[in-house]
Amino acid sequence: MVKDNAQVVLDAPVIRTEKRRSKTWRNILRNWQLYVFIAPAFLSIVIFSYFPMYGIQIAFKNFVPVDGIWGSQWVGFDHFIRFFNSYYFWDLLWNTLSISLYGLAVGFPLPIILALAFNEVKDGLFKRTVQTVTYAPHFISMVVMAGMIITFLSPSSGMVVHLIEAFGFTAPDFLTDPRWFKTMYVLSDVWQSTGWGTIIYLAALTSVDPGLHEAAILDGATRFQRIRHINIPAILPTITILMILNMGGLLGVGFEKILLLQNPLNMESSDVISTFVYRSGLLNAQYSFSTAVGLFNSVVNAILLILVNQIVRRTSENSLW
């Protein structure tokens, strides 16, 4: 009798596990359409995001294509130490951080302000026209955008340069002066992405109860007071989430636009970690070294994302997890 009771106690966790497993399979079969719907996105993430992680190990090896990943010599953290001790480490880090923070300081508040302004304008031809004009630059490809910037800021035929000179000023060398590269990059990026960024905030503003505005108007609240005390608190969770995501990509400055605008004269302020990885890995065939630099970049971004999320989680409920 005692043995039977002991056996029942031992078998209980196994029985519960099997019941949960069968319940899970029943739920999958019952909602199989949803799983089929999500399967392409899931497979694309697994194939293109997780499978390539197998190659991260070459950051710790002296990779030789002939020997393969497993056959290459293990060197540990030598590539990381080489990068940290290099003379260009701090320049790359500063350029990457300064461009990201500059873009965040200028580009993050503008979609919020624009969305709040759009929300206060009545539907009509003017609102639709302005929205279309601000959204349109988002659909311009990066190569075309870089070509437009070079054309507009060309010292010989640039429209912006001629306009500045028409007012009696001397136009700076926007394309070659390192001091102007970051401003040129950030402002052009703001022009291209601000209008598109307002869509998320406009969607969040649609959830605001019109009754709150009606009550505030009856209480004598001005339009600015209603924006401050009703609209902004309504989109604050969205602002917080997007800020966390932006901080997580602080070192993730895309190299496409920078590479297209980069030249030997502005390299002092335009060379960032992503362009250095491209140059080292693809042009100079330093596969292990460039992988180590890229891995360092990704790890720092992940740490920043976790830290900022934890700070937000301690101060409010609007965190990612």
C-alpha atoms as a PDB file:
ATOM      1  CA  MET A   1       0.000   0.000   0.000  1.00  0.00           C
ATOM      2  CA  VAL A   2       2.804   2.370   0.923  1.00  0.00           C
ATOM      3  CA  LYS A   3       4.629   1.480  -2.315  1.00  0.00           C
ATOM      4  CA  ASP A   4       1.535   2.199  -4.374  1.00  0.00           C
ATOM      5  CA  ASN A   5       1.078   5.606  -2.726  1.00  0.00           C
ATOM      6  CA  ALA A   6       4.738   6.461  -3.314  1.00  0.00           C
ATOM      7  CA  GLN A   7       4.468   5.429  -6.959  1.00  0.00           C
ATOM      8  CA  VAL A   8       1.390   7.637  -7.399  1.00  0.00           C
ATOM      9  CA  VAL A   9       3.294  10.601  -5.899  1.00  0.00           C
ATOM     10  CA  LEU A  10       6.250  10.001  -8.227  1.00  0.00           C
ATOM     11  CA  ASP A  11       4.032   9.638 -11.284  1.00  0.00           C
ATOM     12  CA  ALA A  12       1.972  12.786 -10.567  1.00  0.00           C
ATOM     13  CA  PRO A  13       4.429  15.325 -12.178  1.00  0.00           C
ATOM     14  CA  VAL A  14       4.704  13.127 -15.287  1.00  0.00           C
ATOM     15  CA  ILE A  15       0.915  12.896 -15.583  1.00  0.00           C
ATOM     16  CA  ARG A  16       0.550  16.696 -15.196  1.00  0.00           C
ATOM     17  CA  THR A  17       3.227  17.268 -17.856  1.00  0.00           C
ATOM     18  CA  GLU A  18       1.487  14.913 -20.288  1.00  0.00           C
ATOM     19  CA  LYS A  19      -1.852  16.628 -19.677  1.00  0.00           C
ATOM     20  CA  ARG A  20      -0.335  20.056 -20.345  1.00  0.00           C
ATOM     21  CA  ARG A  21       1.337  18.725 -23.487  1.00  0.00           C
ATOM     22  CA  SER A  22      -1.887  17.223 -24.810  1.00  0.00           C
ATOM     23  CA  LYS A  23      -3.764  20.439 -23.995  1.00  0.00           C
ATOM     24  CA  THR A  24      -1.142  22.436 -25.908  1.00  0.00           C
ATOM     25  CA  TRP A  25      -1.486  20.221 -28.961  1.00  0.00           C
ATOM     26  CA  ARG A  26      -5.278  20.489 -28.793  1.00  0.00           C
ATOM     27  CA  ASN A  27      -5.016  24.273 -28.748  1.00  0.00           C
ATOM     28  CA  ILE A  28      -2.645  24.205 -31.739  1.00  0.00           C
ATOM     29  CA  LEU A  29      -4.980  21.954 -33.721  1.00  0.00           C
ATOM     30  CA  ARG A  30      -7.994  24.054 -32.777  1.00  0.00           C
ATOM     31  CA  ASN A  31      -6.275  27.294 -33.931  1.00  0.00           C
ATOM     32  CA  TRP A  32      -4.139  25.883 -36.737  1.00  0.00           C
ATOM     33  CA  GLN A  33      -5.084  28.738 -39.093  1.00  0.00           C
ATOM     34  CA  LEU A  34      -3.390  31.264 -36.782  1.00  0.00           C
ATOM     35  CA  TYR A  35      -0.217  29.167 -36.623  1.00  0.00           C
ATOM     36  CA  VAL A  36      -0.127  28.843 -40.418  1.00  0.00           C
ATOM     37  CA  PHE A  37      -0.574  32.601 -40.657  1.00  0.00           C
ATOM     38  CA  ILE A  38       2.374  33.293 -38.330  1.00  0.00           C
ATOM     39  CA  ALA A  39       4.601  30.525 -39.739  1.00  0.00           C
ATOM     40  CA  PRO A  40       6.263  32.591 -42.556  1.00  0.00           C
ATOM     41  CA  ALA A  41       7.303  35.360 -40.158  1.00  0.00           C
ATOM     42  CA  PHE A  42       8.510  32.834 -37.586  1.00  0.00           C
ATOM     43  CA  LEU A  43      10.528  30.862 -40.161  1.00  0.00           C
ATOM     44  CA  SER A  44      12.070  34.024 -41.624  1.00  0.00           C
ATOM     45  CA  ILE A  45      13.246  35.118 -38.173  1.00  0.00           C
ATOM     46  CA  VAL A  46      14.663  31.671 -37.408  1.00  0.00           C
ATOM     47  CA  ILE A  47      16.397  31.292 -40.776  1.00  0.00           C
ATOM     48  CA  PHE A  48      17.746  34.811 -41.226  1.00  0.00           C
ATOM     49  CA  SER A  49      18.278  35.896 -37.599  1.00  0.00           C
ATOM     50  CA  TYR A  50      19.060  32.797 -35.527  1.00  0.00           C
ATOM     51  CA  PHE A  51      20.802  30.436 -37.943  1.00  0.00           C
ATOM     52  CA  PRO A  52      23.486  33.046 -38.830  1.00  0.00           C
ATOM     53  CA  MET A  53      24.399  33.242 -35.122  1.00  0.00           C
ATOM     54  CA  TYR A  54      26.304  30.028 -35.740  1.00  0.00           C
ATOM     55  CA  GLY A  55      28.963  32.173 -37.420  1.00  0.00           C
ATOM     56  CA  ILE A  56      29.480  34.435 -34.383  1.00  0.00           C
ATOM     57  CA  GLN A  57      32.162  32.046 -33.177  1.00  0.00           C
ATOM     58  CA  ILE A  58      34.591  33.321 -35.833  1.00  0.00           C
ATOM     59  CA  ALA A  59      34.907  36.463 -33.665  1.00  0.00           C
ATOM     60  CA  PHE A  60      36.918  34.252 -31.296  1.00  0.00           C
ATOM     61  CA  LYS A  61      38.915  32.506 -34.037  1.00  0.00           C
ATOM     62  CA  ASN A  62      41.422  33.408 -36.690  1.00  0.00           C
ATOM     63  CA  PHE A  63      39.026  32.477 -39.483  1.00  0.00           C
ATOM     64  CA  VAL A  64      40.485  31.114 -42.708  1.00  0.00           C
ATOM     65  CA  PRO A  65      37.879  30.258 -45.386  1.00  0.00           C
ATOM     66  CA  VAL A  66      39.884  27.236 -46.552  1.00  0.00           C
ATOM     67  CA  ASP A  67      39.897  25.728 -43.053  1.00  0.00           C
ATOM     68  CA  GLY A  68      36.259  26.545 -42.329  1.00  0.00           C
ATOM     69  CA  ILE A  69      34.783  27.702 -39.038  1.00  0.00           C
ATOM     70  CA  TRP A  70      35.585  24.574 -37.049  1.00  0.00           C
ATOM     71  CA  GLY A  71      39.055  24.183 -38.515  1.00  0.00           C
ATOM     72  CA  SER A  72      40.197  27.758 -37.856  1.00  0.00           C
ATOM     73  CA  GLN A  73      42.495  28.515 -34.916  1.00  0.00           C
ATOM     74  CA  TRP A  74      40.917  29.625 -31.640  1.00  0.00           C
ATOM     75  CA  VAL A  75      42.331  32.988 -30.470  1.00  0.00           C
ATOM     76  CA  GLY A  76      39.858  33.935 -27.715  1.00  0.00           C
ATOM     77  CA  PHE A  77      39.435  37.672 -27.165  1.00  0.00           C
ATOM     78  CA  ASP A  78      42.457  38.745 -29.231  1.00  0.00           C
ATOM     79  CA  HIS A  79      40.356  40.544 -31.851  1.00  0.00           C
ATOM     80  CA  PHE A  80      38.414  42.436 -29.195  1.00  0.00           C
ATOM     81  CA  ILE A  81      41.625  43.487 -27.436  1.00  0.00           C
ATOM     82  CA  ARG A  82      43.086  44.600 -30.758  1.00  0.00           C
ATOM     83  CA  PHE A  83      40.035  46.759 -31.425  1.00  0.00           C
ATOM     84  CA  PHE A  84      39.962  48.269 -27.915  1.00  0.00           C
ATOM     85  CA  ASN A  85      43.675  49.113 -28.079  1.00  0.00           C
ATOM     86  CA  SER A  86      43.562  50.564 -31.592  1.00  0.00           C
ATOM     87  CA  TYR A  87      44.062  54.304 -32.128  1.00  0.00           C
ATOM     88  CA  TYR A  88      40.723  54.627 -33.938  1.00  0.00           C
ATOM     89  CA  PHE A  89      38.553  52.987 -31.240  1.00  0.00           C
ATOM     90  CA  TRP A  90      37.581  56.168 -29.410  1.00  0.00           C
ATOM     91  CA  ASP A  91      37.078  58.109 -32.658  1.00  0.00           C
ATOM     92  CA  LEU A  92      34.696  55.445 -33.980  1.00  0.00           C
ATOM     93  CA  LEU A  93      32.833  55.272 -30.673  1.00  0.00           C
ATOM     94  CA  TRP A  94      32.522  59.066 -30.424  1.00  0.00           C
ATOM     95  CA  ASN A  95      31.321  59.475 -34.007  1.00  0.00           C
ATOM     96  CA  THR A  96      28.742  56.714 -33.570  1.00  0.00           C
ATOM     97  CA  LEU A  97      27.445  58.019 -30.246  1.00  0.00           C
ATOM     98  CA  SER A  98      27.416  61.675 -31.275  1.00  0.00           C
ATOM     99  CA  ILE A  99      25.456  61.017 -34.475  1.00  0.00           C
ATOM    100  CA  SER A 100      22.966  58.797 -32.619  1.00  0.00           C
ATOM    101  CA  LEU A 101      22.450  61.225 -29.728  1.00  0.00           C
ATOM    102  CA  TYR A 102      22.255  64.198 -32.093  1.00  0.00           C
ATOM    103  CA  GLY A 103      19.636  62.401 -34.176  1.00  0.00           C
ATOM    104  CA  LEU A 104      17.729  61.328 -31.057  1.00  0.00           C
ATOM    105  CA  ALA A 105      17.701  64.844 -29.587  1.00  0.00           C
ATOM    106  CA  VAL A 106      16.474  66.442 -32.811  1.00  0.00           C
ATOM    107  CA  GLY A 107      14.485  63.668 -34.449  1.00  0.00           C
ATOM    108  CA  PHE A 108      12.650  62.071 -31.512  1.00  0.00           C
ATOM    109  CA  PRO A 109      10.498  65.028 -30.335  1.00  0.00           C
ATOM    110  CA  LEU A 110       9.529  66.241 -33.823  1.00  0.00           C
ATOM    111  CA  PRO A 111       7.119  63.388 -34.723  1.00  0.00           C
ATOM    112  CA  ILE A 112       5.403  63.888 -31.358  1.00  0.00           C
ATOM    113  CA  ILE A 113       4.977  67.625 -31.947  1.00  0.00           C
ATOM    114  CA  LEU A 114       3.824  67.062 -35.521  1.00  0.00           C
ATOM    115  CA  ALA A 115       1.302  64.392 -34.464  1.00  0.00           C
ATOM    116  CA  LEU A 116      -0.131  66.663 -31.768  1.00  0.00           C
ATOM    117  CA  ALA A 117      -0.421  69.451 -34.333  1.00  0.00           C
ATOM    118  CA  PHE A 118      -2.115  67.192 -36.908  1.00  0.00           C
ATOM    119  CA  ASN A 119      -4.543  66.002 -34.265  1.00  0.00           C
ATOM    120  CA  GLU A 120      -5.677  69.577 -33.616  1.00  0.00           C
ATOM    121  CA  VAL A 121      -6.288  70.369 -37.303  1.00  0.00           C
ATOM    122  CA  LYS A 122      -9.734  69.586 -38.672  1.00  0.00           C
ATOM    123  CA  ASP A 123      -9.959  67.045 -41.482  1.00  0.00           C
ATOM    124  CA  GLY A 124      -9.770  68.760 -44.830  1.00  0.00           C
ATOM    125  CA  LEU A 125      -7.657  69.487 -47.872  1.00  0.00           C
ATOM    126  CA  PHE A 126      -4.975  71.344 -45.916  1.00  0.00           C
ATOM    127  CA  LYS A 127      -4.449  68.538 -43.400  1.00  0.00           C
ATOM    128  CA  ARG A 128      -4.337  65.820 -46.056  1.00  0.00           C
ATOM    129  CA  THR A 129      -1.917  67.860 -48.175  1.00  0.00           C
ATOM    130  CA  VAL A 130       0.474  68.537 -45.301  1.00  0.00           C
ATOM    131  CA  GLN A 131       0.380  64.901 -44.199  1.00  0.00           C
ATOM    132  CA  THR A 132       1.144  63.718 -47.736  1.00  0.00           C
ATOM    133  CA  VAL A 133       4.030  66.177 -48.072  1.00  0.00           C
ATOM    134  CA  THR A 134       5.568  65.088 -44.760  1.00  0.00           C
ATOM    135  CA  TYR A 135       5.055  61.354 -45.412  1.00  0.00           C
ATOM    136  CA  ALA A 136       6.425  61.378 -48.966  1.00  0.00           C
ATOM    137  CA  PRO A 137      10.185  61.589 -48.177  1.00  0.00           C
ATOM    138  CA  HIS A 138       9.964  58.272 -46.327  1.00  0.00           C
ATOM    139  CA  PHE A 139       9.416  56.463 -49.639  1.00  0.00           C
ATOM    140  CA  ILE A 140      12.560  57.878 -51.238  1.00  0.00           C
ATOM    141  CA  SER A 141      15.273  55.214 -51.418  1.00  0.00           C
ATOM    142  CA  MET A 142      18.520  55.783 -49.550  1.00  0.00           C
ATOM    143  CA  VAL A 143      20.578  55.981 -52.750  1.00  0.00           C
ATOM    144  CA  VAL A 144      18.253  58.598 -54.266  1.00  0.00           C
ATOM    145  CA  MET A 145      18.246  60.525 -50.986  1.00  0.00           C
ATOM    146  CA  ALA A 146      22.050  60.622 -50.897  1.00  0.00           C
ATOM    147  CA  GLY A 147      22.098  61.761 -54.529  1.00  0.00           C
ATOM    148  CA  MET A 148      19.653  64.559 -53.738  1.00  0.00           C
ATOM    149  CA  ILE A 149      21.759  65.714 -50.777  1.00  0.00           C
ATOM    150  CA  ILE A 150      24.923  65.765 -52.884  1.00  0.00           C
ATOM    151  CA  THR A 151      23.112  67.647 -55.667  1.00  0.00           C
ATOM    152  CA  PHE A 152      21.541  70.235 -53.343  1.00  0.00           C
ATOM    153  CA  LEU A 153      24.778  70.859 -51.409  1.00  0.00           C
ATOM    154  CA  SER A 154      27.236  70.731 -54.298  1.00  0.00           C
ATOM    155  CA  PRO A 155      29.691  73.695 -54.073  1.00  0.00           C
ATOM    156  CA  SER A 156      29.378  74.402 -57.819  1.00  0.00           C
ATOM    157  CA  SER A 157      25.711  73.769 -58.627  1.00  0.00           C
ATOM    158  CA  GLY A 158      23.960  73.159 -55.320  1.00  0.00           C
ATOM    159  CA  MET A 159      20.604  74.897 -54.864  1.00  0.00           C
ATOM    160  CA  VAL A 160      21.160  75.408 -51.126  1.00  0.00           C
ATOM    161  CA  VAL A 161      24.637  76.842 -51.705  1.00  0.00           C
ATOM    162  CA  HIS A 162      23.358  79.313 -54.305  1.00  0.00           C
ATOM    163  CA  LEU A 163      20.513  80.343 -51.997  1.00  0.00           C
ATOM    164  CA  ILE A 164      22.932  81.080 -49.148  1.00  0.00           C
ATOM    165  CA  GLU A 165      25.206  83.059 -51.462  1.00  0.00           C
ATOM    166  CA  ALA A 166      22.209  85.012 -52.809  1.00  0.00           C
ATOM    167  CA  PHE A 167      21.695  86.437 -49.312  1.00  0.00           C
ATOM    168  CA  GLY A 168      25.310  87.603 -49.230  1.00  0.00           C
ATOM    169  CA  PHE A 169      26.734  84.835 -47.039  1.00  0.00           C
ATOM    170  CA  THR A 170      29.590  82.457 -47.737  1.00  0.00           C
ATOM    171  CA  ALA A 171      28.310  78.907 -47.987  1.00  0.00           C
ATOM    172  CA  PRO A 172      30.319  76.314 -46.040  1.00  0.00           C
ATOM    173  CA  ASP A 173      31.620  73.131 -47.640  1.00  0.00           C
ATOM    174  CA  PHE A 174      28.795  70.895 -46.475  1.00  0.00           C
ATOM    175  CA  LEU A 175      30.058  67.772 -48.239  1.00  0.00           C
ATOM    176  CA  THR A 176      33.738  68.001 -47.322  1.00  0.00           C
ATOM    177  CA  ASP A 177      33.910  69.888 -44.015  1.00  0.00           C
ATOM    178  CA  PRO A 178      33.885  67.341 -41.131  1.00  0.00           C
ATOM    179  CA  ARG A 179      32.187  69.895 -38.872  1.00  0.00           C
ATOM    180  CA  TRP A 180      29.068  69.912 -41.067  1.00  0.00           C
ATOM    181  CA  PHE A 181      28.714  66.194 -41.759  1.00  0.00           C
ATOM    182  CA  LYS A 182      26.739  65.271 -38.629  1.00  0.00           C
ATOM    183  CA  THR A 183      24.342  68.191 -39.031  1.00  0.00           C
ATOM    184  CA  MET A 184      23.823  67.343 -42.708  1.00  0.00           C
ATOM    185  CA  TYR A 185      23.209  63.689 -41.876  1.00  0.00           C
ATOM    186  CA  VAL A 186      20.819  64.298 -38.970  1.00  0.00           C
ATOM    187  CA  LEU A 187      18.734  67.035 -40.623  1.00  0.00           C
ATOM    188  CA  SER A 188      18.307  65.050 -43.824  1.00  0.00           C
ATOM    189  CA  ASP A 189      17.307  62.010 -41.760  1.00  0.00           C
ATOM    190  CA  VAL A 190      14.795  64.094 -39.816  1.00  0.00           C
ATOM    191  CA  TRP A 191      13.302  65.393 -43.059  1.00  0.00           C
ATOM    192  CA  GLN A 192      12.945  61.854 -44.377  1.00  0.00           C
ATOM    193  CA  SER A 193      11.543  60.142 -41.286  1.00  0.00           C
ATOM    194  CA  THR A 194       9.631  62.707 -39.206  1.00  0.00           C
ATOM    195  CA  GLY A 195       6.375  62.557 -41.161  1.00  0.00           C
ATOM    196  CA  TRP A 196       6.307  58.777 -41.173  1.00  0.00           C
ATOM    197  CA  GLY A 197       7.025  58.678 -37.444  1.00  0.00           C
ATOM    198  CA  THR A 198       3.860  60.625 -36.694  1.00  0.00           C
ATOM    199  CA  ILE A 199       1.666  57.701 -37.800  1.00  0.00           C
ATOM    200  CA  ILE A 200       2.262  55.750 -34.579  1.00  0.00           C
ATOM    201  CA  TYR A 201       1.428  58.745 -32.390  1.00  0.00           C
ATOM    202  CA  LEU A 202      -1.649  59.633 -34.436  1.00  0.00           C
ATOM    203  CA  ALA A 203      -2.855  56.057 -33.995  1.00  0.00           C
ATOM    204  CA  ALA A 204      -2.332  56.365 -30.229  1.00  0.00           C
ATOM    205  CA  LEU A 205      -4.246  59.669 -30.174  1.00  0.00           C
ATOM    206  CA  THR A 206      -7.293  58.018 -31.712  1.00  0.00           C
ATOM    207  CA  SER A 207      -7.794  56.142 -28.426  1.00  0.00           C
ATOM    208  CA  VAL A 208      -8.395  59.381 -26.508  1.00  0.00           C
ATOM    209  CA  ASP A 209     -12.008  59.613 -25.316  1.00  0.00           C
ATOM    210  CA  PRO A 210     -13.655  62.714 -26.901  1.00  0.00           C
ATOM    211  CA  GLY A 211     -15.642  63.068 -23.695  1.00  0.00           C
ATOM    212  CA  LEU A 212     -12.469  64.112 -21.877  1.00  0.00           C
ATOM    213  CA  HIS A 213     -12.006  67.034 -24.250  1.00  0.00           C
ATOM    214  CA  GLU A 214     -15.671  68.001 -24.001  1.00  0.00           C
ATOM    215  CA  ALA A 215     -15.470  68.006 -20.197  1.00  0.00           C
ATOM    216  CA  ALA A 216     -12.235  70.012 -20.277  1.00  0.00           C
ATOM    217  CA  ILE A 217     -13.808  72.597 -22.609  1.00  0.00           C
ATOM    218  CA  LEU A 218     -16.781  72.966 -20.247  1.00  0.00           C
ATOM    219  CA  ASP A 219     -14.322  73.530 -17.398  1.00  0.00           C
ATOM    220  CA  GLY A 220     -12.674  76.334 -19.378  1.00  0.00           C
ATOM    221  CA  ALA A 221      -9.473  74.538 -20.422  1.00  0.00           C
ATOM    222  CA  THR A 222      -7.563  76.081 -23.304  1.00  0.00           C
ATOM    223  CA  ARG A 223      -6.363  74.025 -26.289  1.00  0.00           C
ATOM    224  CA  PHE A 224      -2.808  73.988 -24.948  1.00  0.00           C
ATOM    225  CA  GLN A 225      -4.028  72.778 -21.547  1.00  0.00           C
ATOM    226  CA  ARG A 226      -6.020  69.972 -23.193  1.00  0.00           C
ATOM    227  CA  ILE A 227      -2.961  68.904 -25.180  1.00  0.00           C
ATOM    228  CA  ARG A 228      -0.836  68.953 -22.061  1.00  0.00           C
ATOM    229  CA  HIS A 229      -3.196  67.166 -19.690  1.00  0.00           C
ATOM    230  CA  ILE A 230      -5.127  64.836 -22.040  1.00  0.00           C
ATOM    231  CA  ASN A 231      -3.272  64.120 -25.292  1.00  0.00           C
ATOM    232  CA  ILE A 232       0.295  63.889 -24.013  1.00  0.00           C
ATOM    233  CA  PRO A 233      -0.561  61.489 -21.131  1.00  0.00           C
ATOM    234  CA  ALA A 234      -2.491  59.358 -23.648  1.00  0.00           C
ATOM    235  CA  ILE A 235       0.570  58.871 -25.883  1.00  0.00           C
ATOM    236  CA  LEU A 236       3.104  58.701 -23.046  1.00  0.00           C
ATOM    237  CA  PRO A 237       3.250  54.851 -23.067  1.00  0.00           C
ATOM    238  CA  THR A 238       3.971  54.921 -26.811  1.00  0.00           C
ATOM    239  CA  ILE A 239       6.653  57.571 -26.310  1.00  0.00           C
ATOM    240  CA  THR A 240       8.264  55.477 -23.591  1.00  0.00           C
ATOM    241  CA  ILE A 241       8.336  52.281 -25.655  1.00  0.00           C
ATOM    242  CA  LEU A 242       9.822  54.047 -28.683  1.00  0.00           C
ATOM    243  CA  MET A 243      12.416  55.760 -26.494  1.00  0.00           C
ATOM    244  CA  ILE A 244      13.497  52.395 -25.078  1.00  0.00           C
ATOM    245  CA  LEU A 245      13.811  50.948 -28.589  1.00  0.00           C
ATOM    246  CA  ASN A 246      15.777  53.975 -29.786  1.00  0.00           C
ATOM    247  CA  MET A 247      18.172  53.741 -26.850  1.00  0.00           C
ATOM    248  CA  GLY A 248      18.665  50.055 -27.651  1.00  0.00           C
ATOM    249  CA  GLY A 249      19.913  51.046 -31.101  1.00  0.00           C
ATOM    250  CA  LEU A 250      22.197  53.835 -29.911  1.00  0.00           C
ATOM    251  CA  LEU A 251      25.266  52.303 -31.540  1.00  0.00           C
ATOM    252  CA  GLY A 252      23.289  50.945 -34.464  1.00  0.00           C
ATOM    253  CA  VAL A 253      23.818  53.833 -36.878  1.00  0.00           C
ATOM    254  CA  GLY A 254      23.035  52.487 -40.339  1.00  0.00           C
ATOM    255  CA  PHE A 255      25.998  52.504 -42.676  1.00  0.00           C
ATOM    256  CA  GLU A 256      24.163  52.866 -46.025  1.00  0.00           C
ATOM    257  CA  LYS A 257      23.557  56.605 -45.971  1.00  0.00           C
ATOM    258  CA  ILE A 258      26.838  57.387 -44.234  1.00  0.00           C
ATOM    259  CA  LEU A 259      28.738  55.284 -46.749  1.00  0.00           C
ATOM    260  CA  LEU A 260      27.069  57.089 -49.664  1.00  0.00           C
ATOM    261  CA  LEU A 261      27.897  60.527 -48.232  1.00  0.00           C
ATOM    262  CA  GLN A 262      31.345  59.597 -46.983  1.00  0.00           C
ATOM    263  CA  ASN A 263      34.522  60.852 -48.660  1.00  0.00           C
ATOM    264  CA  PRO A 264      38.190  61.130 -47.619  1.00  0.00           C
ATOM    265  CA  LEU A 265      37.739  64.757 -46.531  1.00  0.00           C
ATOM    266  CA  ASN A 266      34.893  64.192 -44.053  1.00  0.00           C
ATOM    267  CA  MET A 267      36.106  60.785 -42.817  1.00  0.00           C
ATOM    268  CA  GLU A 268      37.166  62.387 -39.539  1.00  0.00           C
ATOM    269  CA  SER A 269      33.542  62.730 -38.414  1.00  0.00           C
ATOM    270  CA  SER A 270      31.736  60.288 -40.724  1.00  0.00           C
ATOM    271  CA  ASP A 271      33.530  57.042 -39.920  1.00  0.00           C
ATOM    272  CA  VAL A 272      31.320  55.028 -37.541  1.00  0.00           C
ATOM    273  CA  ILE A 273      31.422  51.452 -36.267  1.00  0.00           C
ATOM    274  CA  SER A 274      29.130  50.096 -38.991  1.00  0.00           C
ATOM    275  CA  THR A 275      31.180  51.580 -41.840  1.00  0.00           C
ATOM    276  CA  PHE A 276      34.358  50.333 -40.189  1.00  0.00           C
ATOM    277  CA  VAL A 277      32.905  46.806 -39.994  1.00  0.00           C
ATOM    278  CA  TYR A 278      31.972  46.984 -43.681  1.00  0.00           C
ATOM    279  CA  ARG A 279      35.413  48.216 -44.675  1.00  0.00           C
ATOM    280  CA  SER A 280      37.275  45.707 -42.511  1.00  0.00           C
ATOM    281  CA  GLY A 281      35.138  42.688 -43.311  1.00  0.00           C
ATOM    282  CA  LEU A 282      34.116  43.015 -46.945  1.00  0.00           C
ATOM    283  CA  LEU A 283      36.847  45.213 -48.405  1.00  0.00           C
ATOM    284  CA  ASN A 284      39.868  44.054 -46.382  1.00  0.00           C
ATOM    285  CA  ALA A 285      38.677  40.453 -45.802  1.00  0.00           C
ATOM    286  CA  GLN A 286      39.364  40.629 -42.039  1.00  0.00           C
ATOM    287  CA  TYR A 287      36.374  38.432 -41.287  1.00  0.00           C
ATOM    288  CA  SER A 288      37.147  37.521 -37.684  1.00  0.00           C
ATOM    289  CA  PHE A 289      38.149  41.045 -36.687  1.00  0.00           C
ATOM    290  CA  SER A 290      35.088  42.655 -38.269  1.00  0.00           C
ATOM    291  CA  THR A 291      32.810  40.045 -36.662  1.00  0.00           C
ATOM    292  CA  ALA A 292      34.331  40.845 -33.256  1.00  0.00           C
ATOM    293  CA  VAL A 293      33.710  44.562 -33.766  1.00  0.00           C
ATOM    294  CA  GLY A 294      30.141  43.916 -34.897  1.00  0.00           C
ATOM    295  CA  LEU A 295      29.531  41.598 -31.940  1.00  0.00           C
ATOM    296  CA  PHE A 296      30.810  44.266 -29.550  1.00  0.00           C
ATOM    297  CA  ASN A 297      28.395  46.738 -31.144  1.00  0.00           C
ATOM    298  CA  SER A 298      25.435  44.344 -30.768  1.00  0.00           C
ATOM    299  CA  VAL A 299      26.263  43.434 -27.161  1.00  0.00           C
ATOM    300  CA  VAL A 300      26.480  47.095 -26.134  1.00  0.00           C
ATOM    301  CA  ASN A 301      23.122  47.788 -27.799  1.00  0.00           C
ATOM    302  CA  ALA A 302      21.549  44.830 -25.988  1.00  0.00           C
ATOM    303  CA  ILE A 303      22.947  45.982 -22.636  1.00  0.00           C
ATOM    304  CA  LEU A 304      21.640  49.519 -23.207  1.00  0.00           C
ATOM    305  CA  LEU A 305      18.207  48.157 -24.117  1.00  0.00           C
ATOM    306  CA  ILE A 306      18.033  46.052 -20.945  1.00  0.00           C
ATOM    307  CA  LEU A 307      19.315  48.849 -18.680  1.00  0.00           C
ATOM    308  CA  VAL A 308      16.954  51.497 -20.038  1.00  0.00           C
ATOM    309  CA  ASN A 309      14.030  49.072 -19.853  1.00  0.00           C
ATOM    310  CA  GLN A 310      14.859  48.274 -16.215  1.00  0.00           C
ATOM    311  CA  ILE A 311      15.086  51.977 -15.343  1.00  0.00           C
ATOM    312  CA  VAL A 312      11.718  52.644 -16.969  1.00  0.00           C
ATOM    313  CA  ARG A 313      10.231  49.586 -15.278  1.00  0.00           C
ATOM    314  CA  ARG A 314      11.237  50.909 -11.842  1.00  0.00           C
ATOM    315  CA  THR A 315       9.770  54.353 -12.506  1.00  0.00           C
ATOM    316  CA  SER A 316       6.626  53.446 -14.468  1.00  0.00           C
ATOM    317  CA  GLU A 317       4.629  50.560 -15.904  1.00  0.00           C
ATOM    318  CA  ASN A 318       5.411  51.341 -19.545  1.00  0.00           C
ATOM    319  CA  SER A 319       8.307  48.954 -20.099  1.00  0.00           C
ATOM    320  CA  LEU A 320       8.882  46.342 -22.778  1.00  0.00           C
ATOM    321  CA  TRP A 321       8.840  43.466 -20.301  1.00  0.00           C
END
